[in-house]
Amino acid sequence: MNLIMTMMIMIIMIILTIILNMTTKKLIMDREKSSPFECGFDPKNLARLPFSLHFFLIAIVFIIFDVELTLLLPFIIIMKKTSMMYSSLCLSIFTIILIIGLFHELNQGALNWTK
């Protein structure tokens, strides 16, 4: 008896789901809605347009800071497992390497946004 009631409820739920899906869906297809969206690029234009260097530099800086954060997160575990002297030495060396890299990019002009 319980099994029959459960099956009936499941069948009713499936039928209701199908009916609601068919009645609430918009059937009007628009050209704008059916076209793909690509990161601010117009998909109706030519694909070989010049690429913005500013967008590329912002993406590279974002990736650098993202990798930096993933390298900094294990320092929490290092601080718990080792002495404070060793963990502060590791963190200082990591920070010095990042600062040297930043000054190198400034000297090369890679962070000059007005090119």
C-alpha atoms as a PDB file:
ATOM      1  CA  MET A   1       0.000   0.000   0.000  1.00  0.00           C
ATOM      2  CA  ASN A   2       2.814   2.401   0.916  1.00  0.00           C
ATOM      3  CA  LEU A   3       4.703   1.594  -2.268  1.00  0.00           C
ATOM      4  CA  ILE A   4       1.653   2.278  -4.449  1.00  0.00           C
ATOM      5  CA  MET A   5       1.032   5.640  -2.769  1.00  0.00           C
ATOM      6  CA  THR A   6       4.676   6.623  -3.174  1.00  0.00           C
ATOM      7  CA  MET A   7       4.630   5.703  -6.856  1.00  0.00           C
ATOM      8  CA  MET A   8       1.419   7.685  -7.413  1.00  0.00           C
ATOM      9  CA  ILE A   9       2.886  10.754  -5.730  1.00  0.00           C
ATOM     10  CA  MET A  10       6.054  10.466  -7.831  1.00  0.00           C
ATOM     11  CA  ILE A  11       4.058  10.156 -11.061  1.00  0.00           C
ATOM     12  CA  ILE A  12       1.919  13.175 -10.139  1.00  0.00           C
ATOM     13  CA  MET A  13       5.084  15.191  -9.327  1.00  0.00           C
ATOM     14  CA  ILE A  14       6.672  14.265 -12.654  1.00  0.00           C
ATOM     15  CA  ILE A  15       3.538  15.200 -14.598  1.00  0.00           C
ATOM     16  CA  LEU A  16       3.253  18.523 -12.723  1.00  0.00           C
ATOM     17  CA  THR A  17       6.913  19.290 -13.401  1.00  0.00           C
ATOM     18  CA  ILE A  18       6.492  18.645 -17.128  1.00  0.00           C
ATOM     19  CA  ILE A  19       3.314  20.748 -17.319  1.00  0.00           C
ATOM     20  CA  LEU A  20       4.873  23.650 -15.399  1.00  0.00           C
ATOM     21  CA  ASN A  21       7.999  23.519 -17.551  1.00  0.00           C
ATOM     22  CA  MET A  22       5.947  23.710 -20.738  1.00  0.00           C
ATOM     23  CA  THR A  23       3.681  26.527 -19.555  1.00  0.00           C
ATOM     24  CA  THR A  24       6.271  28.831 -17.976  1.00  0.00           C
ATOM     25  CA  LYS A  25       8.925  28.681 -20.682  1.00  0.00           C
ATOM     26  CA  LYS A  26       9.098  31.566 -23.119  1.00  0.00           C
ATOM     27  CA  LEU A  27       8.792  30.242 -26.623  1.00  0.00           C
ATOM     28  CA  ILE A  28       9.726  33.484 -28.384  1.00  0.00           C
ATOM     29  CA  MET A  29      13.224  33.172 -29.848  1.00  0.00           C
ATOM     30  CA  ASP A  30      15.047  36.480 -30.135  1.00  0.00           C
ATOM     31  CA  ARG A  31      18.247  36.968 -32.157  1.00  0.00           C
ATOM     32  CA  GLU A  32      19.972  38.719 -29.251  1.00  0.00           C
ATOM     33  CA  LYS A  33      18.987  36.068 -26.716  1.00  0.00           C
ATOM     34  CA  SER A  34      20.084  33.153 -28.874  1.00  0.00           C
ATOM     35  CA  SER A  35      23.497  34.662 -29.702  1.00  0.00           C
ATOM     36  CA  PRO A  36      26.506  33.768 -27.514  1.00  0.00           C
ATOM     37  CA  PHE A  37      27.963  36.326 -25.113  1.00  0.00           C
ATOM     38  CA  GLU A  38      31.749  36.608 -25.144  1.00  0.00           C
ATOM     39  CA  CYS A  39      33.350  38.825 -22.460  1.00  0.00           C
ATOM     40  CA  GLY A  40      32.250  42.166 -23.843  1.00  0.00           C
ATOM     41  CA  PHE A  41      33.063  41.325 -27.471  1.00  0.00           C
ATOM     42  CA  ASP A  42      30.295  41.671 -30.034  1.00  0.00           C
ATOM     43  CA  PRO A  43      29.843  38.198 -31.586  1.00  0.00           C
ATOM     44  CA  LYS A  44      28.309  39.655 -34.757  1.00  0.00           C
ATOM     45  CA  ASN A  45      31.496  41.477 -35.800  1.00  0.00           C
ATOM     46  CA  LEU A  46      34.636  40.012 -37.284  1.00  0.00           C
ATOM     47  CA  ALA A  47      36.698  37.813 -34.998  1.00  0.00           C
ATOM     48  CA  ARG A  48      40.036  39.293 -36.083  1.00  0.00           C
ATOM     49  CA  LEU A  49      39.678  42.706 -34.478  1.00  0.00           C
ATOM     50  CA  PRO A  50      42.681  44.158 -32.617  1.00  0.00           C
ATOM     51  CA  PHE A  51      42.905  43.005 -29.014  1.00  0.00           C
ATOM     52  CA  SER A  52      43.063  45.585 -26.238  1.00  0.00           C
ATOM     53  CA  LEU A  53      46.468  45.584 -24.537  1.00  0.00           C
ATOM     54  CA  HIS A  54      45.001  47.213 -21.438  1.00  0.00           C
ATOM     55  CA  PHE A  55      42.585  44.296 -20.973  1.00  0.00           C
ATOM     56  CA  PHE A  56      45.462  41.850 -21.383  1.00  0.00           C
ATOM     57  CA  LEU A  57      47.620  43.644 -18.767  1.00  0.00           C
ATOM     58  CA  ILE A  58      44.770  43.746 -16.266  1.00  0.00           C
ATOM     59  CA  ALA A  59      44.193  40.016 -16.769  1.00  0.00           C
ATOM     60  CA  ILE A  60      47.907  39.246 -16.255  1.00  0.00           C
ATOM     61  CA  VAL A  61      48.067  41.345 -13.060  1.00  0.00           C
ATOM     62  CA  PHE A  62      44.953  39.557 -11.766  1.00  0.00           C
ATOM     63  CA  ILE A  63      46.542  36.151 -12.433  1.00  0.00           C
ATOM     64  CA  ILE A  64      49.763  37.203 -10.670  1.00  0.00           C
ATOM     65  CA  PHE A  65      47.887  38.315  -7.550  1.00  0.00           C
ATOM     66  CA  ASP A  66      45.733  35.189  -7.652  1.00  0.00           C
ATOM     67  CA  VAL A  67      48.817  32.948  -7.719  1.00  0.00           C
ATOM     68  CA  GLU A  68      50.386  35.055  -4.975  1.00  0.00           C
ATOM     69  CA  LEU A  69      47.402  34.433  -2.714  1.00  0.00           C
ATOM     70  CA  THR A  70      47.526  30.691  -3.324  1.00  0.00           C
ATOM     71  CA  LEU A  71      51.189  30.736  -2.354  1.00  0.00           C
ATOM     72  CA  LEU A  72      50.531  32.793   0.784  1.00  0.00           C
ATOM     73  CA  LEU A  73      47.773  30.554   2.169  1.00  0.00           C
ATOM     74  CA  PRO A  74      50.091  27.640   3.153  1.00  0.00           C
ATOM     75  CA  PHE A  75      52.005  30.018   5.435  1.00  0.00           C
ATOM     76  CA  ILE A  76      49.202  29.596   7.973  1.00  0.00           C
ATOM     77  CA  ILE A  77      50.001  25.889   8.206  1.00  0.00           C
ATOM     78  CA  ILE A  78      53.750  26.582   8.268  1.00  0.00           C
ATOM     79  CA  MET A  79      53.284  28.968  11.194  1.00  0.00           C
ATOM     80  CA  LYS A  80      51.470  26.261  13.184  1.00  0.00           C
ATOM     81  CA  LYS A  81      53.975  23.489  12.451  1.00  0.00           C
ATOM     82  CA  THR A  82      57.302  25.350  12.697  1.00  0.00           C
ATOM     83  CA  SER A  83      58.927  28.022  14.771  1.00  0.00           C
ATOM     84  CA  MET A  84      58.026  31.678  14.440  1.00  0.00           C
ATOM     85  CA  MET A  85      61.562  32.501  13.281  1.00  0.00           C
ATOM     86  CA  TYR A  86      61.420  30.095  10.331  1.00  0.00           C
ATOM     87  CA  SER A  87      57.948  31.138   9.225  1.00  0.00           C
ATOM     88  CA  SER A  88      58.782  34.863   9.410  1.00  0.00           C
ATOM     89  CA  LEU A  89      61.978  34.219   7.418  1.00  0.00           C
ATOM     90  CA  CYS A  90      60.001  32.388   4.707  1.00  0.00           C
ATOM     91  CA  LEU A  91      57.383  35.124   4.572  1.00  0.00           C
ATOM     92  CA  SER A  92      60.058  37.843   4.398  1.00  0.00           C
ATOM     93  CA  ILE A  93      61.883  36.115   1.534  1.00  0.00           C
ATOM     94  CA  PHE A  94      58.617  35.651  -0.357  1.00  0.00           C
ATOM     95  CA  THR A  95      57.687  39.315   0.127  1.00  0.00           C
ATOM     96  CA  ILE A  96      61.168  40.495  -0.958  1.00  0.00           C
ATOM     97  CA  ILE A  97      60.923  38.415  -4.149  1.00  0.00           C
ATOM     98  CA  LEU A  98      57.519  39.960  -4.916  1.00  0.00           C
ATOM     99  CA  ILE A  99      58.814  43.505  -4.318  1.00  0.00           C
ATOM    100  CA  ILE A 100      61.865  42.899  -6.527  1.00  0.00           C
ATOM    101  CA  GLY A 101      59.561  41.609  -9.272  1.00  0.00           C
ATOM    102  CA  LEU A 102      57.328  44.662  -8.909  1.00  0.00           C
ATOM    103  CA  PHE A 103      60.282  47.057  -9.239  1.00  0.00           C
ATOM    104  CA  HIS A 104      61.552  45.109 -12.247  1.00  0.00           C
ATOM    105  CA  GLU A 105      58.182  45.453 -13.980  1.00  0.00           C
ATOM    106  CA  LEU A 106      58.072  49.165 -13.138  1.00  0.00           C
ATOM    107  CA  ASN A 107      61.546  49.661 -14.645  1.00  0.00           C
ATOM    108  CA  GLN A 108      60.592  47.723 -17.784  1.00  0.00           C
ATOM    109  CA  GLY A 109      57.450  49.838 -18.195  1.00  0.00           C
ATOM    110  CA  ALA A 110      55.059  46.883 -18.065  1.00  0.00           C
ATOM    111  CA  LEU A 111      52.773  48.677 -15.609  1.00  0.00           C
ATOM    112  CA  ASN A 112      52.552  51.855 -17.677  1.00  0.00           C
ATOM    113  CA  TRP A 113      48.828  52.026 -18.510  1.00  0.00           C
ATOM    114  CA  THR A 114      49.067  54.977 -20.926  1.00  0.00           C
ATOM    115  CA  LYS A 115      50.891  53.212 -23.792  1.00  0.00           C
END
